[in-house]
mmCIF file of all heavy atoms, coordinates in Angstrom:
data_MODEL
# 
_entry.id   MODEL 
# 
loop_
_atom_site.group_PDB 
_atom_site.id 
_atom_site.type_symbol 
_atom_site.label_atom_id 
_atom_site.label_alt_id 
_atom_site.label_comp_id 
_atom_site.label_asym_id 
_atom_site.label_entity_id 
_atom_site.label_seq_id 
_atom_site.pdbx_PDB_ins_code 
_atom_site.Cartn_x 
_atom_site.Cartn_y 
_atom_site.Cartn_z 
_atom_site.occupancy 
_atom_site.B_iso_or_equiv 
_atom_site.pdbx_formal_charge 
_atom_site.auth_seq_id 
_atom_site.auth_comp_id 
_atom_site.auth_asym_id 
_atom_site.auth_atom_id 
_atom_site.pdbx_PDB_model_num 
ATOM 1   N N   . SER A 1 1  ? 5.665   16.074 -10.435 1.00 0.00 ? 1  SER A N   1 
ATOM 2   C CA  . SER A 1 1  ? 5.213   16.564 -9.149  1.00 0.00 ? 1  SER A CA  1 
ATOM 3   C C   . SER A 1 1  ? 3.926   15.781 -8.563  1.00 0.00 ? 1  SER A C   1 
ATOM 4   O O   . SER A 1 1  ? 3.889   15.251 -7.531  1.00 0.00 ? 1  SER A O   1 
ATOM 5   C CB  . SER A 1 1  ? 4.994   18.031 -8.933  1.00 0.00 ? 1  SER A CB  1 
ATOM 6   O OG  . SER A 1 1  ? 4.015   18.422 -9.882  1.00 0.00 ? 1  SER A OG  1 
ATOM 7   N N   . ASN A 1 2  ? 3.086   15.553 -9.547  1.00 0.00 ? 2  ASN A N   1 
ATOM 8   C CA  . ASN A 1 2  ? 1.878   14.812 -9.275  1.00 0.00 ? 2  ASN A CA  1 
ATOM 9   C C   . ASN A 1 2  ? 2.156   13.468 -8.756  1.00 0.00 ? 2  ASN A C   1 
ATOM 10  O O   . ASN A 1 2  ? 1.624   12.869 -7.860  1.00 0.00 ? 2  ASN A O   1 
ATOM 11  C CB  . ASN A 1 2  ? 0.853   14.749 -10.330 1.00 0.00 ? 2  ASN A CB  1 
ATOM 12  C CG  . ASN A 1 2  ? -0.505  14.445 -9.966  1.00 0.00 ? 2  ASN A CG  1 
ATOM 13  O OD1 . ASN A 1 2  ? -0.850  13.258 -9.941  1.00 0.00 ? 2  ASN A OD1 1 
ATOM 14  N ND2 . ASN A 1 2  ? -1.324  15.446 -9.552  1.00 0.00 ? 2  ASN A ND2 1 
ATOM 15  N N   . GLU A 1 3  ? 2.991   12.756 -9.690  1.00 0.00 ? 3  GLU A N   1 
ATOM 16  C CA  . GLU A 1 3  ? 3.257   11.288 -9.486  1.00 0.00 ? 3  GLU A CA  1 
ATOM 17  C C   . GLU A 1 3  ? 4.121   11.098 -8.053  1.00 0.00 ? 3  GLU A C   1 
ATOM 18  O O   . GLU A 1 3  ? 3.861   10.121 -7.373  1.00 0.00 ? 3  GLU A O   1 
ATOM 19  C CB  . GLU A 1 3  ? 4.097   10.735 -10.608 1.00 0.00 ? 3  GLU A CB  1 
ATOM 20  C CG  . GLU A 1 3  ? 3.429   10.472 -11.792 1.00 0.00 ? 3  GLU A CG  1 
ATOM 21  C CD  . GLU A 1 3  ? 3.163   11.698 -12.719 1.00 0.00 ? 3  GLU A CD  1 
ATOM 22  O OE1 . GLU A 1 3  ? 3.402   12.732 -12.304 1.00 0.00 ? 3  GLU A OE1 1 
ATOM 23  O OE2 . GLU A 1 3  ? 2.539   11.659 -13.738 1.00 0.00 ? 3  GLU A OE2 1 
ATOM 24  N N   . ILE A 1 4  ? 5.092   12.053 -7.899  1.00 0.00 ? 4  ILE A N   1 
ATOM 25  C CA  . ILE A 1 4  ? 5.904   11.950 -6.635  1.00 0.00 ? 4  ILE A CA  1 
ATOM 26  C C   . ILE A 1 4  ? 4.996   12.249 -5.455  1.00 0.00 ? 4  ILE A C   1 
ATOM 27  O O   . ILE A 1 4  ? 5.118   11.385 -4.480  1.00 0.00 ? 4  ILE A O   1 
ATOM 28  C CB  . ILE A 1 4  ? 6.962   13.003 -6.808  1.00 0.00 ? 4  ILE A CB  1 
ATOM 29  C CG1 . ILE A 1 4  ? 8.109   12.666 -7.931  1.00 0.00 ? 4  ILE A CG1 1 
ATOM 30  C CG2 . ILE A 1 4  ? 7.725   13.095 -5.467  1.00 0.00 ? 4  ILE A CG2 1 
ATOM 31  C CD1 . ILE A 1 4  ? 8.886   13.711 -8.123  1.00 0.00 ? 4  ILE A CD1 1 
ATOM 32  N N   . ILE A 1 5  ? 4.112   13.161 -5.352  1.00 0.00 ? 5  ILE A N   1 
ATOM 33  C CA  . ILE A 1 5  ? 3.275   13.300 -4.273  1.00 0.00 ? 5  ILE A CA  1 
ATOM 34  C C   . ILE A 1 5  ? 2.323   12.252 -3.941  1.00 0.00 ? 5  ILE A C   1 
ATOM 35  O O   . ILE A 1 5  ? 1.927   11.811 -2.902  1.00 0.00 ? 5  ILE A O   1 
ATOM 36  C CB  . ILE A 1 5  ? 2.499   14.774 -4.423  1.00 0.00 ? 5  ILE A CB  1 
ATOM 37  C CG1 . ILE A 1 5  ? 3.419   15.856 -4.446  1.00 0.00 ? 5  ILE A CG1 1 
ATOM 38  C CG2 . ILE A 1 5  ? 1.461   14.888 -3.346  1.00 0.00 ? 5  ILE A CG2 1 
ATOM 39  C CD1 . ILE A 1 5  ? 4.272   16.162 -3.136  1.00 0.00 ? 5  ILE A CD1 1 
ATOM 40  N N   . THR A 1 6  ? 1.752   11.507 -5.084  1.00 0.00 ? 6  THR A N   1 
ATOM 41  C CA  . THR A 1 6  ? 0.970   10.448 -5.082  1.00 0.00 ? 6  THR A CA  1 
ATOM 42  C C   . THR A 1 6  ? 1.719   9.347  -4.377  1.00 0.00 ? 6  THR A C   1 
ATOM 43  O O   . THR A 1 6  ? 1.102   8.682  -3.488  1.00 0.00 ? 6  THR A O   1 
ATOM 44  C CB  . THR A 1 6  ? 0.591   10.080 -6.501  1.00 0.00 ? 6  THR A CB  1 
ATOM 45  O OG1 . THR A 1 6  ? -0.180  11.176 -7.084  1.00 0.00 ? 6  THR A OG1 1 
ATOM 46  C CG2 . THR A 1 6  ? -0.369  8.815  -6.437  1.00 0.00 ? 6  THR A CG2 1 
ATOM 47  N N   . ILE A 1 7  ? 2.980   9.040  -4.738  1.00 0.00 ? 7  ILE A N   1 
ATOM 48  C CA  . ILE A 1 7  ? 3.644   7.873  -4.160  1.00 0.00 ? 7  ILE A CA  1 
ATOM 49  C C   . ILE A 1 7  ? 3.973   8.193  -2.678  1.00 0.00 ? 7  ILE A C   1 
ATOM 50  O O   . ILE A 1 7  ? 3.738   7.228  -1.742  1.00 0.00 ? 7  ILE A O   1 
ATOM 51  C CB  . ILE A 1 7  ? 4.936   7.667  -5.051  1.00 0.00 ? 7  ILE A CB  1 
ATOM 52  C CG1 . ILE A 1 7  ? 4.594   7.141  -6.192  1.00 0.00 ? 7  ILE A CG1 1 
ATOM 53  C CG2 . ILE A 1 7  ? 5.891   6.726  -4.210  1.00 0.00 ? 7  ILE A CG2 1 
ATOM 54  C CD1 . ILE A 1 7  ? 5.841   7.020  -7.230  1.00 0.00 ? 7  ILE A CD1 1 
ATOM 55  N N   . LEU A 1 8  ? 4.271   9.277  -2.431  1.00 0.00 ? 8  LEU A N   1 
ATOM 56  C CA  . LEU A 1 8  ? 4.652   9.718  -1.002  1.00 0.00 ? 8  LEU A CA  1 
ATOM 57  C C   . LEU A 1 8  ? 3.632   9.887  -0.123  1.00 0.00 ? 8  LEU A C   1 
ATOM 58  O O   . LEU A 1 8  ? 3.629   9.385  1.132   1.00 0.00 ? 8  LEU A O   1 
ATOM 59  C CB  . LEU A 1 8  ? 5.467   11.002 -0.951  1.00 0.00 ? 8  LEU A CB  1 
ATOM 60  C CG  . LEU A 1 8  ? 6.848   10.922 -1.635  1.00 0.00 ? 8  LEU A CG  1 
ATOM 61  C CD1 . LEU A 1 8  ? 7.572   12.287 -1.674  1.00 0.00 ? 8  LEU A CD1 1 
ATOM 62  C CD2 . LEU A 1 8  ? 7.797   9.923  -0.962  1.00 0.00 ? 8  LEU A CD2 1 
ATOM 63  N N   . TYR A 1 9  ? 2.469   10.521 -0.467  1.00 0.00 ? 9  TYR A N   1 
ATOM 64  C CA  . TYR A 1 9  ? 1.395   10.918 0.420   1.00 0.00 ? 9  TYR A CA  1 
ATOM 65  C C   . TYR A 1 9  ? -0.104  10.384 0.220   1.00 0.00 ? 9  TYR A C   1 
ATOM 66  O O   . TYR A 1 9  ? -0.853  10.444 1.114   1.00 0.00 ? 9  TYR A O   1 
ATOM 67  C CB  . TYR A 1 9  ? 1.351   12.393 0.521   1.00 0.00 ? 9  TYR A CB  1 
ATOM 68  C CG  . TYR A 1 9  ? 2.688   13.022 1.004   1.00 0.00 ? 9  TYR A CG  1 
ATOM 69  C CD1 . TYR A 1 9  ? 3.530   13.714 0.148   1.00 0.00 ? 9  TYR A CD1 1 
ATOM 70  C CD2 . TYR A 1 9  ? 3.034   12.822 2.429   1.00 0.00 ? 9  TYR A CD2 1 
ATOM 71  C CE1 . TYR A 1 9  ? 4.652   14.267 0.639   1.00 0.00 ? 9  TYR A CE1 1 
ATOM 72  C CE2 . TYR A 1 9  ? 4.272   13.433 2.845   1.00 0.00 ? 9  TYR A CE2 1 
ATOM 73  C CZ  . TYR A 1 9  ? 4.978   14.161 1.998   1.00 0.00 ? 9  TYR A CZ  1 
ATOM 74  O OH  . TYR A 1 9  ? 6.124   14.686 2.392   1.00 0.00 ? 9  TYR A OH  1 
ATOM 75  N N   . LYS A 1 10 ? -0.346  9.811  -1.043  1.00 0.00 ? 10 LYS A N   1 
ATOM 76  C CA  . LYS A 1 10 ? -1.688  9.616  -1.220  1.00 0.00 ? 10 LYS A CA  1 
ATOM 77  C C   . LYS A 1 10 ? -2.245  8.376  -0.563  1.00 0.00 ? 10 LYS A C   1 
ATOM 78  O O   . LYS A 1 10 ? -2.133  7.251  -1.146  1.00 0.00 ? 10 LYS A O   1 
ATOM 79  C CB  . LYS A 1 10 ? -1.968  9.425  -2.835  1.00 0.00 ? 10 LYS A CB  1 
ATOM 80  C CG  . LYS A 1 10 ? -3.480  9.523  -3.172  1.00 0.00 ? 10 LYS A CG  1 
ATOM 81  C CD  . LYS A 1 10 ? -3.625  9.256  -4.615  1.00 0.00 ? 10 LYS A CD  1 
ATOM 82  C CE  . LYS A 1 10 ? -5.093  9.185  -4.964  1.00 0.00 ? 10 LYS A CE  1 
ATOM 83  N NZ  . LYS A 1 10 ? -5.469  8.891  -6.238  1.00 0.00 ? 10 LYS A NZ  1 
ATOM 84  N N   . ARG A 1 11 ? -2.688  8.510  0.657   1.00 0.00 ? 11 ARG A N   1 
ATOM 85  C CA  . ARG A 1 11 ? -3.165  7.530  1.398   1.00 0.00 ? 11 ARG A CA  1 
ATOM 86  C C   . ARG A 1 11 ? -4.058  8.128  2.551   1.00 0.00 ? 11 ARG A C   1 
ATOM 87  O O   . ARG A 1 11 ? -3.928  9.220  2.976   1.00 0.00 ? 11 ARG A O   1 
ATOM 88  C CB  . ARG A 1 11 ? -2.181  6.525  2.004   1.00 0.00 ? 11 ARG A CB  1 
ATOM 89  C CG  . ARG A 1 11 ? -1.167  7.220  2.929   1.00 0.00 ? 11 ARG A CG  1 
ATOM 90  C CD  . ARG A 1 11 ? -0.012  6.278  3.223   1.00 0.00 ? 11 ARG A CD  1 
ATOM 91  N NE  . ARG A 1 11 ? 0.690   5.863  2.055   1.00 0.00 ? 11 ARG A NE  1 
ATOM 92  C CZ  . ARG A 1 11 ? 1.670   6.470  1.483   1.00 0.00 ? 11 ARG A CZ  1 
ATOM 93  N NH1 . ARG A 1 11 ? 2.041   7.680  1.986   1.00 0.00 ? 11 ARG A NH1 1 
ATOM 94  N NH2 . ARG A 1 11 ? 2.324   5.934  0.474   1.00 0.00 ? 11 ARG A NH2 1 
ATOM 95  N N   . GLY A 1 12 ? -5.164  7.398  3.018   1.00 0.00 ? 12 GLY A N   1 
ATOM 96  C CA  . GLY A 1 12 ? -6.010  7.929  3.949   1.00 0.00 ? 12 GLY A CA  1 
ATOM 97  C C   . GLY A 1 12 ? -6.699  9.079  3.597   1.00 0.00 ? 12 GLY A C   1 
ATOM 98  O O   . GLY A 1 12 ? -7.400  9.248  2.548   1.00 0.00 ? 12 GLY A O   1 
ATOM 99  N N   . ALA A 1 13 ? -6.703  10.145 4.346   1.00 0.00 ? 13 ALA A N   1 
ATOM 100 C CA  . ALA A 1 13 ? -7.345  11.434 4.273   1.00 0.00 ? 13 ALA A CA  1 
ATOM 101 C C   . ALA A 1 13 ? -6.791  12.420 3.062   1.00 0.00 ? 13 ALA A C   1 
ATOM 102 O O   . ALA A 1 13 ? -7.376  13.271 2.531   1.00 0.00 ? 13 ALA A O   1 
ATOM 103 C CB  . ALA A 1 13 ? -7.517  12.297 5.426   1.00 0.00 ? 13 ALA A CB  1 
ATOM 104 N N   . PHE A 1 14 ? -5.474  11.945 2.747   1.00 0.00 ? 14 PHE A N   1 
ATOM 105 C CA  . PHE A 1 14 ? -4.848  12.725 1.710   1.00 0.00 ? 14 PHE A CA  1 
ATOM 106 C C   . PHE A 1 14 ? -5.306  12.218 0.348   1.00 0.00 ? 14 PHE A C   1 
ATOM 107 O O   . PHE A 1 14 ? -4.754  11.211 -0.214  1.00 0.00 ? 14 PHE A O   1 
ATOM 108 C CB  . PHE A 1 14 ? -3.226  12.412 1.820   1.00 0.00 ? 14 PHE A CB  1 
ATOM 109 C CG  . PHE A 1 14 ? -2.441  13.612 1.296   1.00 0.00 ? 14 PHE A CG  1 
ATOM 110 C CD1 . PHE A 1 14 ? -2.076  14.655 2.003   1.00 0.00 ? 14 PHE A CD1 1 
ATOM 111 C CD2 . PHE A 1 14 ? -2.081  13.637 -0.086  1.00 0.00 ? 14 PHE A CD2 1 
ATOM 112 C CE1 . PHE A 1 14 ? -1.342  15.738 1.604   1.00 0.00 ? 14 PHE A CE1 1 
ATOM 113 C CE2 . PHE A 1 14 ? -1.379  14.655 -0.607  1.00 0.00 ? 14 PHE A CE2 1 
ATOM 114 C CZ  . PHE A 1 14 ? -0.848  15.633 0.100   1.00 0.00 ? 14 PHE A CZ  1 
ATOM 115 N N   . ASN A 1 15 ? -6.417  12.819 -0.106  1.00 0.00 ? 15 ASN A N   1 
ATOM 116 C CA  . ASN A 1 15 ? -7.032  12.303 -1.341  1.00 0.00 ? 15 ASN A CA  1 
ATOM 117 C C   . ASN A 1 15 ? -6.525  12.950 -2.708  1.00 0.00 ? 15 ASN A C   1 
ATOM 118 O O   . ASN A 1 15 ? -5.555  13.603 -2.587  1.00 0.00 ? 15 ASN A O   1 
ATOM 119 C CB  . ASN A 1 15 ? -8.520  12.613 -1.258  1.00 0.00 ? 15 ASN A CB  1 
ATOM 120 C CG  . ASN A 1 15 ? -8.844  14.026 -0.901  1.00 0.00 ? 15 ASN A CG  1 
ATOM 121 O OD1 . ASN A 1 15 ? -8.129  14.854 -1.165  1.00 0.00 ? 15 ASN A OD1 1 
ATOM 122 N ND2 . ASN A 1 15 ? -10.056 14.221 -0.389  1.00 0.00 ? 15 ASN A ND2 1 
ATOM 123 N N   . LYS A 1 16 ? -7.325  12.788 -3.711  1.00 0.00 ? 16 LYS A N   1 
ATOM 124 C CA  . LYS A 1 16 ? -6.781  13.303 -5.001  1.00 0.00 ? 16 LYS A CA  1 
ATOM 125 C C   . LYS A 1 16 ? -6.706  14.780 -5.122  1.00 0.00 ? 16 LYS A C   1 
ATOM 126 O O   . LYS A 1 16 ? -5.821  15.422 -5.613  1.00 0.00 ? 16 LYS A O   1 
ATOM 127 C CB  . LYS A 1 16 ? -7.790  12.773 -6.071  1.00 0.00 ? 16 LYS A CB  1 
ATOM 128 C CG  . LYS A 1 16 ? -7.264  12.920 -7.553  1.00 0.00 ? 16 LYS A CG  1 
ATOM 129 C CD  . LYS A 1 16 ? -8.299  12.209 -8.600  1.00 0.00 ? 16 LYS A CD  1 
ATOM 130 C CE  . LYS A 1 16 ? -7.754  12.406 -9.887  1.00 0.00 ? 16 LYS A CE  1 
ATOM 131 N NZ  . LYS A 1 16 ? -8.679  11.721 -10.843 1.00 0.00 ? 16 LYS A NZ  1 
ATOM 132 N N   . TYR A 1 17 ? -7.685  15.469 -4.406  1.00 0.00 ? 17 TYR A N   1 
ATOM 133 C CA  . TYR A 1 17 ? -7.763  16.856 -4.271  1.00 0.00 ? 17 TYR A CA  1 
ATOM 134 C C   . TYR A 1 17 ? -6.391  17.399 -3.530  1.00 0.00 ? 17 TYR A C   1 
ATOM 135 O O   . TYR A 1 17 ? -5.728  18.431 -3.957  1.00 0.00 ? 17 TYR A O   1 
ATOM 136 C CB  . TYR A 1 17 ? -8.966  17.348 -3.468  1.00 0.00 ? 17 TYR A CB  1 
ATOM 137 C CG  . TYR A 1 17 ? -9.093  18.841 -3.277  1.00 0.00 ? 17 TYR A CG  1 
ATOM 138 C CD1 . TYR A 1 17 ? -9.150  19.695 -4.467  1.00 0.00 ? 17 TYR A CD1 1 
ATOM 139 C CD2 . TYR A 1 17 ? -8.777  19.466 -2.035  1.00 0.00 ? 17 TYR A CD2 1 
ATOM 140 C CE1 . TYR A 1 17 ? -9.288  21.129 -4.277  1.00 0.00 ? 17 TYR A CE1 1 
ATOM 141 C CE2 . TYR A 1 17 ? -8.965  20.887 -1.946  1.00 0.00 ? 17 TYR A CE2 1 
ATOM 142 C CZ  . TYR A 1 17 ? -9.181  21.627 -2.966  1.00 0.00 ? 17 TYR A CZ  1 
ATOM 143 O OH  . TYR A 1 17 ? -9.262  22.946 -2.729  1.00 0.00 ? 17 TYR A OH  1 
ATOM 144 N N   . SER A 1 18 ? -5.964  16.731 -2.421  1.00 0.00 ? 18 SER A N   1 
ATOM 145 C CA  . SER A 1 18 ? -4.935  17.010 -1.595  1.00 0.00 ? 18 SER A CA  1 
ATOM 146 C C   . SER A 1 18 ? -3.732  16.912 -2.533  1.00 0.00 ? 18 SER A C   1 
ATOM 147 O O   . SER A 1 18 ? -2.685  17.750 -2.294  1.00 0.00 ? 18 SER A O   1 
ATOM 148 C CB  . SER A 1 18 ? -4.783  16.158 -0.338  1.00 0.00 ? 18 SER A CB  1 
ATOM 149 O OG  . SER A 1 18 ? -6.031  16.265 0.448   1.00 0.00 ? 18 SER A OG  1 
ATOM 150 N N   . VAL A 1 19 ? -3.566  15.864 -3.307  1.00 0.00 ? 19 VAL A N   1 
ATOM 151 C CA  . VAL A 1 19 ? -2.388  15.704 -4.070  1.00 0.00 ? 19 VAL A CA  1 
ATOM 152 C C   . VAL A 1 19 ? -2.170  16.707 -5.144  1.00 0.00 ? 19 VAL A C   1 
ATOM 153 O O   . VAL A 1 19 ? -1.189  17.225 -5.278  1.00 0.00 ? 19 VAL A O   1 
ATOM 154 C CB  . VAL A 1 19 ? -2.554  14.239 -4.877  1.00 0.00 ? 19 VAL A CB  1 
ATOM 155 C CG1 . VAL A 1 19 ? -1.509  14.208 -6.041  1.00 0.00 ? 19 VAL A CG1 1 
ATOM 156 C CG2 . VAL A 1 19 ? -2.481  13.192 -3.908  1.00 0.00 ? 19 VAL A CG2 1 
ATOM 157 N N   . ALA A 1 20 ? -3.388  17.183 -5.745  1.00 0.00 ? 20 ALA A N   1 
ATOM 158 C CA  . ALA A 1 20 ? -3.392  18.290 -6.733  1.00 0.00 ? 20 ALA A CA  1 
ATOM 159 C C   . ALA A 1 20 ? -2.855  19.680 -6.068  1.00 0.00 ? 20 ALA A C   1 
ATOM 160 O O   . ALA A 1 20 ? -1.956  20.253 -6.692  1.00 0.00 ? 20 ALA A O   1 
ATOM 161 C CB  . ALA A 1 20 ? -4.582  18.565 -7.372  1.00 0.00 ? 20 ALA A CB  1 
ATOM 162 N N   . LEU A 1 21 ? -3.252  19.972 -4.869  1.00 0.00 ? 21 LEU A N   1 
ATOM 163 C CA  . LEU A 1 21 ? -2.868  21.005 -4.100  1.00 0.00 ? 21 LEU A CA  1 
ATOM 164 C C   . LEU A 1 21 ? -1.383  20.939 -3.948  1.00 0.00 ? 21 LEU A C   1 
ATOM 165 O O   . LEU A 1 21 ? -0.508  21.986 -4.090  1.00 0.00 ? 21 LEU A O   1 
ATOM 166 C CB  . LEU A 1 21 ? -3.694  21.330 -2.963  1.00 0.00 ? 21 LEU A CB  1 
ATOM 167 C CG  . LEU A 1 21 ? -5.064  21.721 -3.013  1.00 0.00 ? 21 LEU A CG  1 
ATOM 168 C CD1 . LEU A 1 21 ? -5.830  21.775 -1.635  1.00 0.00 ? 21 LEU A CD1 1 
ATOM 169 C CD2 . LEU A 1 21 ? -5.187  23.062 -3.771  1.00 0.00 ? 21 LEU A CD2 1 
ATOM 170 N N   . ALA A 1 22 ? -0.974  19.971 -3.215  1.00 0.00 ? 22 ALA A N   1 
ATOM 171 C CA  . ALA A 1 22 ? 0.477   19.772 -2.819  1.00 0.00 ? 22 ALA A CA  1 
ATOM 172 C C   . ALA A 1 22 ? 1.363   19.640 -4.080  1.00 0.00 ? 22 ALA A C   1 
ATOM 173 O O   . ALA A 1 22 ? 2.513   20.268 -3.951  1.00 0.00 ? 22 ALA A O   1 
ATOM 174 C CB  . ALA A 1 22 ? 0.548   18.434 -2.029  1.00 0.00 ? 22 ALA A CB  1 
ATOM 175 N N   . SER A 1 23 ? 1.013   19.115 -5.151  1.00 0.00 ? 23 SER A N   1 
ATOM 176 C CA  . SER A 1 23 ? 1.847   19.012 -6.275  1.00 0.00 ? 23 SER A CA  1 
ATOM 177 C C   . SER A 1 23 ? 2.115   20.342 -7.044  1.00 0.00 ? 23 SER A C   1 
ATOM 178 O O   . SER A 1 23 ? 3.215   20.548 -7.462  1.00 0.00 ? 23 SER A O   1 
ATOM 179 C CB  . SER A 1 23 ? 1.356   17.997 -7.257  1.00 0.00 ? 23 SER A CB  1 
ATOM 180 O OG  . SER A 1 23 ? -0.092  18.310 -7.808  1.00 0.00 ? 23 SER A OG  1 
ATOM 181 N N   . ASP A 1 24 ? 1.058   21.208 -6.937  1.00 0.00 ? 24 ASP A N   1 
ATOM 182 C CA  . ASP A 1 24 ? 1.194   22.587 -7.454  1.00 0.00 ? 24 ASP A CA  1 
ATOM 183 C C   . ASP A 1 24 ? 2.336   23.295 -6.695  1.00 0.00 ? 24 ASP A C   1 
ATOM 184 O O   . ASP A 1 24 ? 3.254   24.041 -7.268  1.00 0.00 ? 24 ASP A O   1 
ATOM 185 C CB  . ASP A 1 24 ? -0.032  23.384 -7.363  1.00 0.00 ? 24 ASP A CB  1 
ATOM 186 C CG  . ASP A 1 24 ? -1.082  22.901 -8.385  1.00 0.00 ? 24 ASP A CG  1 
ATOM 187 O OD1 . ASP A 1 24 ? -0.740  22.276 -9.279  1.00 0.00 ? 24 ASP A OD1 1 
ATOM 188 O OD2 . ASP A 1 24 ? -2.394  23.250 -8.040  1.00 0.00 ? 24 ASP A OD2 1 
ATOM 189 N N   . PHE A 1 25 ? 2.336   23.183 -5.343  1.00 0.00 ? 25 PHE A N   1 
ATOM 190 C CA  . PHE A 1 25 ? 3.356   23.776 -4.539  1.00 0.00 ? 25 PHE A CA  1 
ATOM 191 C C   . PHE A 1 25 ? 4.766   23.226 -4.725  1.00 0.00 ? 25 PHE A C   1 
ATOM 192 O O   . PHE A 1 25 ? 5.705   23.919 -4.990  1.00 0.00 ? 25 PHE A O   1 
ATOM 193 C CB  . PHE A 1 25 ? 2.897   23.759 -3.077  1.00 0.00 ? 25 PHE A CB  1 
ATOM 194 C CG  . PHE A 1 25 ? 2.360   24.827 -2.484  1.00 0.00 ? 25 PHE A CG  1 
ATOM 195 C CD1 . PHE A 1 25 ? 0.911   25.239 -2.716  1.00 0.00 ? 25 PHE A CD1 1 
ATOM 196 C CD2 . PHE A 1 25 ? 2.955   25.831 -1.730  1.00 0.00 ? 25 PHE A CD2 1 
ATOM 197 C CE1 . PHE A 1 25 ? 0.349   26.318 -2.136  1.00 0.00 ? 25 PHE A CE1 1 
ATOM 198 C CE2 . PHE A 1 25 ? 2.366   26.953 -1.192  1.00 0.00 ? 25 PHE A CE2 1 
ATOM 199 C CZ  . PHE A 1 25 ? 0.976   27.129 -1.471  1.00 0.00 ? 25 PHE A CZ  1 
ATOM 200 N N   . PHE A 1 26 ? 4.753   21.809 -4.658  1.00 0.00 ? 26 PHE A N   1 
ATOM 201 C CA  . PHE A 1 26 ? 6.049   21.032 -4.781  1.00 0.00 ? 26 PHE A CA  1 
ATOM 202 C C   . PHE A 1 26 ? 6.740   21.329 -6.094  1.00 0.00 ? 26 PHE A C   1 
ATOM 203 O O   . PHE A 1 26 ? 7.928   21.704 -6.123  1.00 0.00 ? 26 PHE A O   1 
ATOM 204 C CB  . PHE A 1 26 ? 5.610   19.626 -4.582  1.00 0.00 ? 26 PHE A CB  1 
ATOM 205 C CG  . PHE A 1 26 ? 6.926   18.678 -4.793  1.00 0.00 ? 26 PHE A CG  1 
ATOM 206 C CD1 . PHE A 1 26 ? 7.777   18.604 -3.767  1.00 0.00 ? 26 PHE A CD1 1 
ATOM 207 C CD2 . PHE A 1 26 ? 7.039   18.102 -5.949  1.00 0.00 ? 26 PHE A CD2 1 
ATOM 208 C CE1 . PHE A 1 26 ? 8.877   17.855 -3.766  1.00 0.00 ? 26 PHE A CE1 1 
ATOM 209 C CE2 . PHE A 1 26 ? 8.227   17.175 -6.090  1.00 0.00 ? 26 PHE A CE2 1 
ATOM 210 C CZ  . PHE A 1 26 ? 9.168   17.135 -5.077  1.00 0.00 ? 26 PHE A CZ  1 
# 
């Protein structure tokens, strides 16, 4: 989930913290 969210969304304001939150849900 972490790698998938990183590839799809980790850019701009969507930082490492945002990835962690989103990947937990995903």
